Structures are given as C-alpha cells and as structure tokens.
Amino acid sequence: MTKDQKVVAIQEIKDLLQDAKVVYVADLDGLNAAKSSEFRRQAFKQNIKVKVVKNTLLQKAMEQMEGVDYSEMFQTFKGNSALMISETANGPAKLIQGFRKKEDKPALKSAFVQETFYVGDNNLDALANIKSREEMIGEIIGLLQSPIQRVVSALQNKPETVEAKAEEAAPAVEETPAAEAPEAPAAESTDETPAAE
C-alpha cells in the first residue's frame, strides 16, 4: 500500500468515525467468503456499517479524531479487524450474538458505546443488553402514560357519577311539571273558543 493509499484509507475510516456514537471492533478471522458476505448482508439490513480495516490505519485514524480518546481500544487491534458503526447501541452486539449461534466468530475485540469503553469478548452480553435509544424512549413514554391514563380514566368515570346523581334528582323535578301539565291544555282550549266564535 502506497503512502497516498494509506492517507486515503485513514480518511475513509475518519469519515466513518466522525459523529459516530457506537463503534465496535470485531474479529472476523475464520469466516470464509460466503459467511463473511452473509454477516455483511445482515449488518446492512440492520443499518450497521462494516469495514475490514488494517489495525495500524485504524489506530492512526482514531488518534487523529478530536473529541474522543480511543486509546483504550488500541490494545485489541491485533489480527483481522472489522470496524462496525451503528446508530443503535446494542445492534452490533446482537448481530454478533445471532451470528455466533452457528459460528465461532465474529468475536468482539472492543467497543465504544454511550461514552464508555468495553474491551474484550466477555462484554458481548452486557452490550447486547444495553437498551437502545428507541427502547428507552418507549419505556419512558409508557411510564409517563400510566399516570395520565389513570387521570383520564378517573375523569371519564366522573361524569357518570354526576349523571347518576342528576338522574336521582330528576324524578322530583319531573313530578312538578306533571302537576302543571293539565293547566296548559286548559289554556289552549280557551284560546280555541274565541277562534270558533
């Protein structure tokens, strides 16, 4: 690889890392071409970017990034490395777990998720159990809706109790107009009498 090619490769990695909140580095070594393609296909469906990178170039790209010190991950950059970028915190971990039901690889080398570093494959379960932003928002909305639903339910039931009290009072009100009702027809008959004359 020429110096110019290395500069281009480093810039490509930096472009992937720019604004990335979820960064995984995995070991895909041992996956044949067909299995590697299947892994990439599943990653693409889940909106996870996968790029096989040279360790030295990945380290140089990360060293040049501002805002995040990735140095904790550098010790894991040995052998075959694949950079995985995702919007969902637990997406790559779940993808790796799912793929490992049939295969020994991929293995997690390290990850940077929610401003925390995870080093080693033993962190895979913890990463897979991290709630995604959408899941957390859903839980918060559920918690917020619960008291609101109780209030709305109480308000909806309240008019029924008011109507029940009104119905209890209503028969007494209806009896009074019924006593006056005969007077109204009498008044009508007096109006009709002059018309007949």
C-alpha atoms as a PDB file:
ATOM      1  CA  MET A   1       0.000   0.000   0.000  1.00  0.00           C
ATOM      2  CA  THR A   2       1.475   3.354  -1.043  1.00  0.00           C
ATOM      3  CA  LYS A   3       1.617   6.369   1.247  1.00  0.00           C
ATOM      4  CA  ASP A   4      -1.171   8.063  -0.718  1.00  0.00           C
ATOM      5  CA  GLN A   5      -3.359   4.955  -0.442  1.00  0.00           C
ATOM      6  CA  LYS A   6      -2.778   4.903   3.314  1.00  0.00           C
ATOM      7  CA  VAL A   7      -3.800   8.572   3.591  1.00  0.00           C
ATOM      8  CA  VAL A   8      -6.999   7.830   1.646  1.00  0.00           C
ATOM      9  CA  ALA A   9      -7.741   4.740   3.778  1.00  0.00           C
ATOM     10  CA  ILE A  10      -7.213   6.697   7.017  1.00  0.00           C
ATOM     11  CA  GLN A  11      -9.522   9.448   5.766  1.00  0.00           C
ATOM     12  CA  GLU A  12     -12.222   6.870   4.920  1.00  0.00           C
ATOM     13  CA  ILE A  13     -12.010   5.489   8.467  1.00  0.00           C
ATOM     14  CA  LYS A  14     -12.139   9.002   9.922  1.00  0.00           C
ATOM     15  CA  ASP A  15     -15.240   9.736   7.841  1.00  0.00           C
ATOM     16  CA  LEU A  16     -16.911   6.644   9.321  1.00  0.00           C
ATOM     17  CA  LEU A  17     -15.912   7.644  12.867  1.00  0.00           C
ATOM     18  CA  GLN A  18     -16.994  11.279  12.505  1.00  0.00           C
ATOM     19  CA  ASP A  19     -20.099  11.762  14.726  1.00  0.00           C
ATOM     20  CA  ALA A  20     -20.217   8.004  15.494  1.00  0.00           C
ATOM     21  CA  LYS A  21     -21.663   7.276  18.944  1.00  0.00           C
ATOM     22  CA  VAL A  22     -21.497   3.475  18.622  1.00  0.00           C
ATOM     23  CA  VAL A  23     -18.169   1.973  17.495  1.00  0.00           C
ATOM     24  CA  TYR A  24     -17.365  -1.743  17.636  1.00  0.00           C
ATOM     25  CA  VAL A  25     -14.190  -3.523  16.535  1.00  0.00           C
ATOM     26  CA  ALA A  26     -14.692  -7.221  15.848  1.00  0.00           C
ATOM     27  CA  ASP A  27     -12.577 -10.146  14.746  1.00  0.00           C
ATOM     28  CA  LEU A  28     -13.979 -11.766  11.600  1.00  0.00           C
ATOM     29  CA  ASP A  29     -10.941 -14.027  11.112  1.00  0.00           C
ATOM     30  CA  GLY A  30     -12.011 -17.584  10.344  1.00  0.00           C
ATOM     31  CA  LEU A  31     -15.175 -16.661   8.429  1.00  0.00           C
ATOM     32  CA  ASN A  32     -14.951 -17.846   4.838  1.00  0.00           C
ATOM     33  CA  ALA A  33     -16.068 -15.590   1.972  1.00  0.00           C
ATOM     34  CA  ALA A  34     -19.677 -16.850   1.994  1.00  0.00           C
ATOM     35  CA  LYS A  35     -20.087 -16.449   5.763  1.00  0.00           C
ATOM     36  CA  SER A  36     -18.380 -13.070   5.704  1.00  0.00           C
ATOM     37  CA  SER A  37     -20.767 -11.920   2.950  1.00  0.00           C
ATOM     38  CA  GLU A  38     -23.744 -13.184   4.965  1.00  0.00           C
ATOM     39  CA  PHE A  39     -22.522 -11.268   8.020  1.00  0.00           C
ATOM     40  CA  ARG A  40     -22.203  -8.068   5.945  1.00  0.00           C
ATOM     41  CA  ARG A  41     -25.664  -8.625   4.437  1.00  0.00           C
ATOM     42  CA  GLN A  42     -27.260  -8.969   7.886  1.00  0.00           C
ATOM     43  CA  ALA A  43     -25.355  -5.886   9.080  1.00  0.00           C
ATOM     44  CA  PHE A  44     -26.608  -3.885   6.085  1.00  0.00           C
ATOM     45  CA  LYS A  45     -30.222  -4.895   6.825  1.00  0.00           C
ATOM     46  CA  GLN A  46     -29.779  -3.608  10.389  1.00  0.00           C
ATOM     47  CA  ASN A  47     -28.182  -0.346   9.215  1.00  0.00           C
ATOM     48  CA  ILE A  48     -24.756  -1.279  10.620  1.00  0.00           C
ATOM     49  CA  LYS A  49     -21.722  -0.241   8.572  1.00  0.00           C
ATOM     50  CA  VAL A  50     -18.952  -2.861   8.448  1.00  0.00           C
ATOM     51  CA  LYS A  51     -15.468  -2.172   7.114  1.00  0.00           C
ATOM     52  CA  VAL A  52     -12.489  -4.529   7.349  1.00  0.00           C
ATOM     53  CA  VAL A  53      -9.500  -2.361   8.242  1.00  0.00           C
ATOM     54  CA  LYS A  54      -5.784  -2.610   8.875  1.00  0.00           C
ATOM     55  CA  ASN A  55      -5.056  -2.211  12.576  1.00  0.00           C
ATOM     56  CA  THR A  56      -2.316   0.389  12.101  1.00  0.00           C
ATOM     57  CA  LEU A  57      -4.543   2.528   9.864  1.00  0.00           C
ATOM     58  CA  LEU A  58      -7.481   2.223  12.275  1.00  0.00           C
ATOM     59  CA  GLN A  59      -5.271   3.326  15.152  1.00  0.00           C
ATOM     60  CA  LYS A  60      -3.893   6.287  13.190  1.00  0.00           C
ATOM     61  CA  ALA A  61      -7.406   7.352  12.181  1.00  0.00           C
ATOM     62  CA  MET A  62      -8.615   7.130  15.786  1.00  0.00           C
ATOM     63  CA  GLU A  63      -5.585   9.081  17.036  1.00  0.00           C
ATOM     64  CA  GLN A  64      -6.483  11.895  14.646  1.00  0.00           C
ATOM     65  CA  MET A  65     -10.108  12.100  15.813  1.00  0.00           C
ATOM     66  CA  GLU A  66     -11.000  15.044  18.043  1.00  0.00           C
ATOM     67  CA  GLY A  67     -13.341  14.739  20.998  1.00  0.00           C
ATOM     68  CA  VAL A  68     -12.866  11.030  21.786  1.00  0.00           C
ATOM     69  CA  ASP A  69      -9.709   9.333  23.058  1.00  0.00           C
ATOM     70  CA  TYR A  70      -9.941   5.805  21.640  1.00  0.00           C
ATOM     71  CA  SER A  71      -6.588   4.719  23.144  1.00  0.00           C
ATOM     72  CA  GLU A  72      -8.248   2.147  25.439  1.00  0.00           C
ATOM     73  CA  MET A  73      -9.203   0.162  22.339  1.00  0.00           C
ATOM     74  CA  PHE A  74      -5.723   0.113  20.757  1.00  0.00           C
ATOM     75  CA  GLN A  75      -4.525  -2.933  22.720  1.00  0.00           C
ATOM     76  CA  THR A  76      -7.168  -5.058  20.961  1.00  0.00           C
ATOM     77  CA  PHE A  77      -6.022  -4.149  17.443  1.00  0.00           C
ATOM     78  CA  LYS A  78      -4.345  -7.448  16.566  1.00  0.00           C
ATOM     79  CA  GLY A  79      -5.089  -9.853  13.739  1.00  0.00           C
ATOM     80  CA  ASN A  80      -8.098  -9.321  11.493  1.00  0.00           C
ATOM     81  CA  SER A  81     -10.246  -6.305  12.461  1.00  0.00           C
ATOM     82  CA  ALA A  82     -13.623  -5.143  11.257  1.00  0.00           C
ATOM     83  CA  LEU A  83     -14.921  -1.714  12.202  1.00  0.00           C
ATOM     84  CA  MET A  84     -18.667  -1.656  12.911  1.00  0.00           C
ATOM     85  CA  ILE A  85     -20.576   1.646  13.137  1.00  0.00           C
ATOM     86  CA  SER A  86     -24.215   1.768  14.207  1.00  0.00           C
ATOM     87  CA  GLU A  87     -26.902   4.166  15.421  1.00  0.00           C
ATOM     88  CA  THR A  88     -28.245   1.549  17.847  1.00  0.00           C
ATOM     89  CA  ALA A  89     -26.108   0.862  20.922  1.00  0.00           C
ATOM     90  CA  ASN A  90     -26.848  -2.859  21.108  1.00  0.00           C
ATOM     91  CA  GLY A  91     -27.272  -3.527  17.365  1.00  0.00           C
ATOM     92  CA  PRO A  92     -23.772  -4.827  16.566  1.00  0.00           C
ATOM     93  CA  ALA A  93     -23.636  -6.913  19.768  1.00  0.00           C
ATOM     94  CA  LYS A  94     -26.963  -8.576  18.921  1.00  0.00           C
ATOM     95  CA  LEU A  95     -25.776  -9.170  15.350  1.00  0.00           C
ATOM     96  CA  ILE A  96     -22.571 -10.840  16.613  1.00  0.00           C
ATOM     97  CA  GLN A  97     -24.533 -12.928  19.142  1.00  0.00           C
ATOM     98  CA  GLY A  98     -27.010 -14.049  16.486  1.00  0.00           C
ATOM     99  CA  PHE A  99     -24.258 -14.988  14.071  1.00  0.00           C
ATOM    100  CA  ARG A 100     -22.389 -16.911  16.755  1.00  0.00           C
ATOM    101  CA  LYS A 101     -25.292 -19.294  17.262  1.00  0.00           C
ATOM    102  CA  LYS A 102     -23.914 -21.114  14.202  1.00  0.00           C
ATOM    103  CA  GLU A 103     -20.276 -19.930  14.097  1.00  0.00           C
ATOM    104  CA  ASP A 104     -17.359 -19.370  16.484  1.00  0.00           C
ATOM    105  CA  LYS A 105     -16.751 -15.915  15.050  1.00  0.00           C
ATOM    106  CA  PRO A 106     -17.078 -12.982  14.911  1.00  0.00           C
ATOM    107  CA  ALA A 107     -15.596 -12.107  18.273  1.00  0.00           C
ATOM    108  CA  LEU A 108     -15.822  -8.720  19.949  1.00  0.00           C
ATOM    109  CA  LYS A 109     -12.455  -7.021  20.384  1.00  0.00           C
ATOM    110  CA  SER A 110     -13.611  -3.717  21.840  1.00  0.00           C
ATOM    111  CA  ALA A 111     -16.407  -1.183  21.670  1.00  0.00           C
ATOM    112  CA  PHE A 112     -17.178   2.450  22.405  1.00  0.00           C
ATOM    113  CA  VAL A 113     -20.849   2.810  23.358  1.00  0.00           C
ATOM    114  CA  GLN A 114     -22.614   5.619  25.233  1.00  0.00           C
ATOM    115  CA  GLU A 115     -19.261   7.237  26.046  1.00  0.00           C
ATOM    116  CA  THR A 116     -17.981   4.029  27.695  1.00  0.00           C
ATOM    117  CA  PHE A 117     -15.278   1.617  26.516  1.00  0.00           C
ATOM    118  CA  TYR A 118     -15.773  -2.152  26.559  1.00  0.00           C
ATOM    119  CA  VAL A 119     -12.655  -4.264  25.998  1.00  0.00           C
ATOM    120  CA  GLY A 120     -12.873  -7.986  25.325  1.00  0.00           C
ATOM    121  CA  ASP A 121     -15.392 -10.521  24.069  1.00  0.00           C
ATOM    122  CA  ASN A 122     -16.618 -11.122  27.641  1.00  0.00           C
ATOM    123  CA  ASN A 123     -18.518  -7.800  27.375  1.00  0.00           C
ATOM    124  CA  LEU A 124     -20.700  -9.006  24.497  1.00  0.00           C
ATOM    125  CA  ASP A 125     -23.689  -9.977  26.689  1.00  0.00           C
ATOM    126  CA  ALA A 126     -23.566  -6.674  28.572  1.00  0.00           C
ATOM    127  CA  LEU A 127     -23.525  -4.765  25.278  1.00  0.00           C
ATOM    128  CA  ALA A 128     -26.398  -6.819  23.840  1.00  0.00           C
ATOM    129  CA  ASN A 129     -28.494  -5.977  26.909  1.00  0.00           C
ATOM    130  CA  ILE A 130     -27.965  -2.220  26.630  1.00  0.00           C
ATOM    131  CA  LYS A 131     -31.288  -0.626  25.812  1.00  0.00           C
ATOM    132  CA  SER A 132     -31.378   1.232  22.541  1.00  0.00           C
ATOM    133  CA  ARG A 133     -32.462   4.858  22.478  1.00  0.00           C
ATOM    134  CA  GLU A 134     -35.808   3.852  20.972  1.00  0.00           C
ATOM    135  CA  GLU A 135     -36.398   1.205  23.660  1.00  0.00           C
ATOM    136  CA  MET A 136     -35.598   3.692  26.432  1.00  0.00           C
ATOM    137  CA  ILE A 137     -37.896   6.334  24.911  1.00  0.00           C
ATOM    138  CA  GLY A 138     -40.648   3.709  24.629  1.00  0.00           C
ATOM    139  CA  GLU A 139     -40.253   2.758  28.291  1.00  0.00           C
ATOM    140  CA  ILE A 140     -40.264   6.404  29.390  1.00  0.00           C
ATOM    141  CA  ILE A 141     -43.394   7.118  27.350  1.00  0.00           C
ATOM    142  CA  GLY A 142     -45.033   4.041  28.881  1.00  0.00           C
ATOM    143  CA  LEU A 143     -44.162   5.224  32.386  1.00  0.00           C
ATOM    144  CA  LEU A 144     -45.430   8.729  31.648  1.00  0.00           C
ATOM    145  CA  GLN A 145     -48.646   7.477  30.067  1.00  0.00           C
ATOM    146  CA  SER A 146     -49.549   5.265  33.006  1.00  0.00           C
ATOM    147  CA  PRO A 147     -50.430   8.113  35.452  1.00  0.00           C
ATOM    148  CA  ILE A 148     -52.025  10.131  32.656  1.00  0.00           C
ATOM    149  CA  GLN A 149     -54.215   7.172  31.708  1.00  0.00           C
ATOM    150  CA  ARG A 150     -55.349   6.865  35.333  1.00  0.00           C
ATOM    151  CA  VAL A 151     -56.275  10.565  35.423  1.00  0.00           C
ATOM    152  CA  VAL A 152     -58.112  10.330  32.096  1.00  0.00           C
ATOM    153  CA  SER A 153     -59.936   7.208  33.297  1.00  0.00           C
ATOM    154  CA  ALA A 154     -60.953   8.957  36.527  1.00  0.00           C
ATOM    155  CA  LEU A 155     -62.182  11.967  34.570  1.00  0.00           C
ATOM    156  CA  GLN A 156     -64.151   9.754  32.201  1.00  0.00           C
ATOM    157  CA  ASN A 157     -65.807   7.959  35.129  1.00  0.00           C
ATOM    158  CA  LYS A 158     -66.612  11.204  36.973  1.00  0.00           C
ATOM    159  CA  PRO A 159     -69.353  12.383  34.557  1.00  0.00           C
ATOM    160  CA  GLU A 160     -71.085   9.041  35.059  1.00  0.00           C
ATOM    161  CA  THR A 161     -71.332   9.679  38.816  1.00  0.00           C
ATOM    162  CA  VAL A 162     -72.575  13.230  38.196  1.00  0.00           C
ATOM    163  CA  GLU A 163     -75.191  11.916  35.740  1.00  0.00           C
ATOM    164  CA  ALA A 164     -76.277   9.274  38.264  1.00  0.00           C
ATOM    165  CA  LYS A 165     -76.846  11.974  40.893  1.00  0.00           C
ATOM    166  CA  ALA A 166     -78.718  14.078  38.336  1.00  0.00           C
ATOM    167  CA  GLU A 167     -80.980  11.120  37.500  1.00  0.00           C
ATOM    168  CA  GLU A 168     -81.786  10.633  41.197  1.00  0.00           C
ATOM    169  CA  ALA A 169     -82.835  14.286  41.444  1.00  0.00           C
ATOM    170  CA  ALA A 170     -84.630  14.264  38.086  1.00  0.00           C
ATOM    171  CA  PRO A 171     -87.830  12.373  39.137  1.00  0.00           C
ATOM    172  CA  ALA A 172     -88.658  15.077  41.704  1.00  0.00           C
ATOM    173  CA  VAL A 173     -88.249  17.749  39.031  1.00  0.00           C
ATOM    174  CA  GLU A 174     -90.425  15.828  36.552  1.00  0.00           C
ATOM    175  CA  GLU A 175     -93.310  15.490  39.037  1.00  0.00           C
ATOM    176  CA  THR A 176     -93.694  19.246  39.346  1.00  0.00           C
ATOM    177  CA  PRO A 177     -94.256  19.888  35.624  1.00  0.00           C
ATOM    178  CA  ALA A 178     -96.673  16.927  35.502  1.00  0.00           C
ATOM    179  CA  ALA A 179     -98.949  18.680  38.045  1.00  0.00           C
ATOM    180  CA  GLU A 180     -98.882  21.828  35.952  1.00  0.00           C
ATOM    181  CA  ALA A 181     -99.476  19.955  32.719  1.00  0.00           C
ATOM    182  CA  PRO A 182    -103.332  19.960  32.939  1.00  0.00           C
ATOM    183  CA  GLU A 183    -103.337  23.742  33.111  1.00  0.00           C
ATOM    184  CA  ALA A 184    -101.581  24.031  29.784  1.00  0.00           C
ATOM    185  CA  PRO A 185    -104.321  22.207  27.810  1.00  0.00           C
ATOM    186  CA  ALA A 186    -106.968  24.282  29.569  1.00  0.00           C
ATOM    187  CA  ALA A 187    -105.253  27.412  28.383  1.00  0.00           C
ATOM    188  CA  GLU A 188    -105.209  26.015  24.880  1.00  0.00           C
ATOM    189  CA  SER A 189    -108.944  25.306  24.930  1.00  0.00           C
ATOM    190  CA  THR A 190    -109.716  28.905  25.928  1.00  0.00           C
ATOM    191  CA  ASP A 191    -107.622  30.073  23.017  1.00  0.00           C
ATOM    192  CA  GLU A 192    -109.583  27.814  20.688  1.00  0.00           C
ATOM    193  CA  THR A 193    -113.007  29.018  21.889  1.00  0.00           C
ATOM    194  CA  PRO A 194    -112.665  32.570  20.592  1.00  0.00           C
ATOM    195  CA  ALA A 195    -111.466  31.219  17.298  1.00  0.00           C
ATOM    196  CA  ALA A 196    -114.678  29.187  16.974  1.00  0.00           C
ATOM    197  CA  GLU A 197    -116.832  32.292  17.511  1.00  0.00           C
END
